[in-house]
Amino acid sequence: MPPQGQFGTAGQRDDLIAIFLTGIPNLTQPANGKPAEELRLNVAVPVTGNPNAYGVIGGDNQGYPNGRRLTDDVVDISLRAIAGAAYPLFHPGFTVDATGAKLGDGVDANDKTFRTNFPYLALPAQGFASIPHPGNANVGGSQGGTNNGGNQAGRDEVIKNITKAREEFNNTFNGSKDEFENNINQAKDQFSADINQNKNPNEAKDRFINSLNTTKDRFLNMLNQTKDRFNDALNNSNRL
């Protein structure tokens, strides 16, 4: 392990100070910057064709703690940095402890493939199935016996109903939104036609506002009905 001197002494952990407080010199440390615990990014570093998940301590200056890419193993990097993995960057004669250089949380990659367009993150896992532990059927179940898979069919039915209700809600929302936009455009066109035909401006305005209110009420009513069906499907899950 590196020296563990007090802050401000010759034995201070200048590697951790640079990584987490001031920025790394010639990489993420700004000129005349103030010490602050924040993530810094040097956009002048060229994009690498062979990114290393361990970022700077893995020899890849485009990675964490120079910003943070989705594939950067931030937890492993931080653990290894605390154990001294970045200390040789500031003290070339220091040899990193072999065990410290292998510290990690055991999670080396995301369980889902990242998307190729914004926001790039994979979709979150749904919270209704116990994958990867499908045998854990006794969630909130009886205290006597294992009930191994006893309620699985019921849970599957709930998941199916919730998925169906969610899809129905999304479809209703999208359809209502399109209808809402079409009605708004029609109301605008009618308002413009009334004005162009020199009709009473106040009457034209009233017709326009009435049309907007009618469209809004219909839109909200359809959403509320679908929302209620979705909530009913969610409430049924409490019976398991």
Protein backbone atom coordinates (compact mmCIF):
# COMPACT_ATOMS: atom_id res chain seq x y z
CA MET A 1 0.00 0.00 0.00
CA PRO A 2 1.14 3.60 -0.59
CA PRO A 3 2.00 5.85 2.35
CA GLN A 4 -1.05 7.00 4.28
CA GLY A 5 0.16 10.39 5.49
CA GLN A 6 -2.08 13.17 6.66
CA PHE A 7 -3.35 15.70 4.15
CA GLY A 8 -0.77 18.44 3.68
CA THR A 9 2.19 16.28 4.69
CA ALA A 10 4.88 14.75 2.50
CA GLY A 11 3.23 11.34 2.81
CA GLN A 12 -0.25 12.45 1.70
CA ARG A 13 -2.07 10.41 -0.93
CA ASP A 14 -1.46 12.85 -3.76
CA ASP A 15 -2.83 10.29 -6.22
CA LEU A 16 -6.25 10.25 -4.57
CA ILE A 17 -6.18 14.03 -4.14
CA ALA A 18 -5.61 14.38 -7.88
CA ILE A 19 -8.21 11.81 -8.90
CA PHE A 20 -11.02 12.90 -6.61
CA LEU A 21 -10.24 16.52 -5.71
CA THR A 22 -7.98 18.56 -7.99
CA GLY A 23 -7.83 16.65 -11.28
CA ILE A 24 -4.87 14.75 -12.71
CA PRO A 25 -2.05 17.03 -13.93
CA ASN A 26 -1.78 17.26 -17.73
CA LEU A 27 -5.04 15.38 -18.10
CA THR A 28 -8.03 16.63 -16.10
CA GLN A 29 -6.54 19.32 -13.86
CA PRO A 30 -7.67 22.77 -15.05
CA ALA A 31 -5.39 25.79 -14.83
CA ASN A 32 -6.06 27.78 -11.67
CA GLY A 33 -8.80 25.35 -10.73
CA LYS A 34 -10.19 25.06 -7.22
CA PRO A 35 -10.12 21.71 -5.39
CA ALA A 36 -13.58 20.17 -5.66
CA GLU A 37 -14.94 16.64 -5.56
CA GLU A 38 -16.33 16.53 -9.07
CA LEU A 39 -15.97 14.52 -12.27
CA ARG A 40 -13.81 16.29 -14.84
CA LEU A 41 -13.58 15.71 -18.58
CA ASN A 42 -10.81 16.67 -20.98
CA VAL A 43 -12.50 16.66 -24.40
CA ALA A 44 -9.14 17.25 -26.11
CA VAL A 45 -8.12 13.63 -25.53
CA PRO A 46 -8.54 11.79 -28.86
CA VAL A 47 -11.10 9.01 -29.10
CA THR A 48 -9.39 5.67 -28.69
CA GLY A 49 -10.05 2.79 -31.04
CA ASN A 50 -9.30 0.28 -28.30
CA PRO A 51 -10.95 1.45 -25.06
CA ASN A 52 -9.83 -0.09 -21.80
CA ALA A 53 -12.52 -0.63 -19.17
CA TYR A 54 -10.04 0.41 -16.46
CA GLY A 55 -9.54 3.86 -17.98
CA VAL A 56 -6.52 5.84 -16.87
CA ILE A 57 -5.08 3.12 -14.62
CA GLY A 58 -5.38 0.77 -17.62
CA GLY A 59 -3.40 3.14 -19.83
CA ASP A 60 -6.47 4.62 -21.55
CA ASN A 61 -6.53 8.36 -20.87
CA GLN A 62 -9.92 8.72 -22.47
CA GLY A 63 -11.56 6.72 -19.69
CA TYR A 64 -12.49 7.28 -16.05
CA PRO A 65 -11.59 9.42 -14.15
CA ASN A 66 -11.31 11.50 -17.32
CA GLY A 67 -15.08 11.62 -17.64
CA ARG A 68 -16.96 8.36 -17.50
CA ARG A 69 -17.93 6.09 -20.36
CA LEU A 70 -20.71 3.55 -20.05
CA THR A 71 -18.25 0.68 -20.30
CA ASP A 72 -15.78 2.07 -17.73
CA ASP A 73 -15.62 -0.19 -14.68
CA VAL A 74 -15.85 2.70 -12.24
CA VAL A 75 -16.16 0.60 -9.08
CA ASP A 76 -13.13 -1.54 -9.89
CA ILE A 77 -11.12 1.55 -10.91
CA SER A 78 -11.98 3.35 -7.67
CA LEU A 79 -11.17 0.32 -5.50
CA ARG A 80 -7.85 -0.22 -7.23
CA ALA A 81 -7.01 3.47 -7.06
CA ILE A 82 -7.58 3.43 -3.31
CA ALA A 83 -5.24 0.42 -3.12
CA GLY A 84 -2.57 2.38 -5.02
CA ALA A 85 -3.07 1.46 -8.68
CA ALA A 86 -2.68 5.13 -9.73
CA TYR A 87 0.15 5.87 -7.29
CA PRO A 88 2.89 5.03 -9.86
CA LEU A 89 1.56 7.84 -12.07
CA PHE A 90 2.85 10.22 -9.41
CA HIS A 91 5.63 8.08 -7.98
CA PRO A 92 7.15 5.96 -10.79
CA GLY A 93 9.29 3.93 -8.39
CA PHE A 94 6.27 2.56 -6.54
CA THR A 95 5.17 -1.03 -7.19
CA VAL A 96 1.48 -1.71 -6.89
CA ASP A 97 0.51 -4.53 -4.55
CA ALA A 98 -0.49 -7.55 -6.64
CA THR A 99 -3.68 -8.12 -4.66
CA GLY A 100 -4.69 -4.46 -4.73
CA ALA A 101 -4.28 -4.40 -8.50
CA LYS A 102 -6.95 -7.10 -8.81
CA LEU A 103 -9.61 -5.64 -6.54
CA GLY A 104 -13.11 -5.50 -7.99
CA ASP A 105 -16.79 -6.07 -7.41
CA GLY A 106 -17.02 -9.11 -9.71
CA VAL A 107 -19.24 -7.30 -12.23
CA ASP A 108 -17.22 -6.82 -15.40
CA ALA A 109 -19.91 -5.86 -17.90
CA ASN A 110 -23.49 -4.70 -18.15
CA ASP A 111 -26.01 -7.54 -18.29
CA LYS A 112 -27.66 -5.97 -21.35
CA THR A 113 -26.20 -4.59 -24.55
CA PHE A 114 -26.03 -0.82 -24.69
CA ARG A 115 -28.08 0.88 -27.38
CA THR A 116 -26.45 2.47 -30.43
CA ASN A 117 -28.37 5.75 -30.17
CA PHE A 118 -29.16 8.27 -27.46
CA PRO A 119 -29.45 7.80 -24.50
CA TYR A 120 -27.34 4.65 -25.20
CA LEU A 121 -28.20 3.05 -21.84
CA ALA A 122 -29.90 -0.31 -22.03
CA LEU A 123 -33.55 -0.41 -21.04
CA PRO A 124 -34.01 -1.09 -17.31
CA ALA A 125 -34.97 -4.55 -16.14
CA GLN A 126 -38.66 -4.95 -15.32
CA GLY A 127 -39.29 -5.50 -11.63
CA PHE A 128 -41.94 -8.19 -11.66
CA ALA A 129 -40.00 -11.38 -12.40
CA SER A 130 -37.35 -12.86 -10.13
CA ILE A 131 -34.95 -13.61 -12.98
CA PRO A 132 -32.24 -14.93 -12.62
CA HIS A 133 -33.86 -16.67 -9.65
CA PRO A 134 -37.14 -18.02 -11.05
CA GLY A 135 -37.37 -20.59 -8.27
CA ASN A 136 -37.86 -17.95 -5.58
CA ALA A 137 -41.62 -18.26 -5.55
CA ASN A 138 -41.99 -17.58 -1.83
CA VAL A 139 -41.66 -13.80 -2.12
CA GLY A 140 -43.95 -12.51 0.59
CA GLY A 141 -45.48 -15.99 0.86
CA SER A 142 -46.36 -18.22 3.79
CA GLN A 143 -43.83 -18.93 6.51
CA GLY A 144 -44.54 -22.63 6.66
CA GLY A 145 -43.08 -24.63 3.78
CA THR A 146 -41.07 -23.70 0.75
CA ASN A 147 -43.95 -22.98 -1.68
CA ASN A 148 -41.40 -23.60 -4.44
CA GLY A 149 -43.10 -22.28 -7.56
CA GLY A 150 -46.59 -22.45 -6.01
CA ASN A 151 -47.49 -18.92 -7.00
CA GLN A 152 -45.49 -18.77 -10.23
CA ALA A 153 -48.56 -19.14 -12.45
CA GLY A 154 -50.29 -16.31 -10.59
CA ARG A 155 -47.25 -14.05 -10.94
CA ASP A 156 -46.96 -14.87 -14.62
CA GLU A 157 -50.60 -13.88 -15.11
CA VAL A 158 -50.05 -10.60 -13.27
CA ILE A 159 -46.97 -9.81 -15.36
CA LYS A 160 -48.92 -10.56 -18.53
CA ASN A 161 -51.81 -8.33 -17.45
CA ILE A 162 -49.51 -5.50 -16.45
CA THR A 163 -47.62 -5.73 -19.73
CA LYS A 164 -50.89 -5.74 -21.67
CA ALA A 165 -52.21 -2.76 -19.67
CA ARG A 166 -48.96 -0.85 -20.20
CA GLU A 167 -49.09 -1.47 -23.94
CA GLU A 168 -52.72 -0.40 -24.01
CA PHE A 169 -51.87 2.77 -22.10
CA ASN A 170 -49.02 3.57 -24.50
CA ASN A 171 -51.20 2.92 -27.55
CA THR A 172 -54.04 5.01 -26.14
CA PHE A 173 -51.68 7.82 -25.26
CA ASN A 174 -50.12 7.85 -28.72
CA GLY A 175 -53.49 7.63 -30.45
CA SER A 176 -55.01 10.31 -28.23
CA LYS A 177 -51.99 12.52 -28.75
CA ASP A 178 -52.32 12.25 -32.52
CA GLU A 179 -56.06 12.96 -32.32
CA PHE A 180 -55.38 15.88 -29.98
CA GLU A 181 -52.84 17.38 -32.39
CA ASN A 182 -55.16 16.90 -35.36
CA ASN A 183 -58.05 18.60 -33.55
CA ILE A 184 -55.81 21.46 -32.51
CA ASN A 185 -54.69 21.94 -36.10
CA GLN A 186 -58.29 21.85 -37.32
CA ALA A 187 -59.28 24.41 -34.70
CA LYS A 188 -56.41 26.66 -35.75
CA ASP A 189 -57.38 26.32 -39.40
CA GLN A 190 -61.01 27.14 -38.61
CA PHE A 191 -59.94 30.15 -36.54
CA SER A 192 -57.78 31.42 -39.38
CA ALA A 193 -60.62 30.88 -41.87
CA ASP A 194 -63.05 32.79 -39.65
CA ILE A 195 -60.64 35.71 -39.37
CA ASN A 196 -59.95 35.72 -43.11
CA GLN A 197 -63.70 35.78 -43.79
CA ASN A 198 -64.02 38.83 -41.54
CA LYS A 199 -66.23 37.03 -39.05
CA ASN A 200 -66.62 38.43 -35.56
CA PRO A 201 -63.19 37.96 -33.90
CA ASN A 202 -64.71 37.30 -30.48
CA GLU A 203 -67.01 34.60 -31.84
CA ALA A 204 -64.07 33.04 -33.71
CA LYS A 205 -62.01 33.12 -30.53
CA ASP A 206 -64.82 31.52 -28.51
CA ARG A 207 -65.21 28.72 -31.07
CA PHE A 208 -61.46 28.14 -30.98
CA ILE A 209 -61.34 27.99 -27.17
CA ASN A 210 -64.40 25.68 -27.01
CA SER A 211 -62.78 23.35 -29.52
CA LEU A 212 -59.57 23.31 -27.47
CA ASN A 213 -61.43 22.55 -24.24
CA THR A 214 -63.49 19.77 -25.82
CA THR A 215 -60.36 18.18 -27.27
CA LYS A 216 -58.51 18.50 -23.97
CA ASP A 217 -61.36 16.92 -21.98
CA ARG A 218 -61.61 14.00 -24.41
CA PHE A 219 -57.84 13.48 -24.28
CA LEU A 220 -57.74 13.48 -20.47
CA ASN A 221 -60.80 11.24 -20.19
CA MET A 222 -59.27 8.58 -22.45
CA LEU A 223 -55.98 8.71 -20.54
CA ASN A 224 -57.70 8.45 -17.16
CA GLN A 225 -59.73 5.43 -18.23
CA THR A 226 -56.65 3.65 -19.49
CA LYS A 227 -54.67 4.67 -16.41
CA ASP A 228 -57.37 3.15 -14.18
CA ARG A 229 -57.13 -0.15 -16.02
CA PHE A 230 -53.35 -0.06 -15.66
CA ASN A 231 -53.63 0.65 -11.92
CA ASP A 232 -56.09 -2.23 -11.53
CA ALA A 233 -53.52 -4.58 -13.07
CA LEU A 234 -50.86 -3.26 -10.69
CA ASN A 235 -53.12 -3.61 -7.64
CA ASN A 236 -53.82 -7.23 -8.51
CA SER A 237 -50.13 -7.96 -8.01
CA ASN A 238 -50.55 -7.23 -4.28
CA ARG A 239 -52.66 -10.36 -3.93
CA LEU A 240 -49.65 -12.63 -4.46
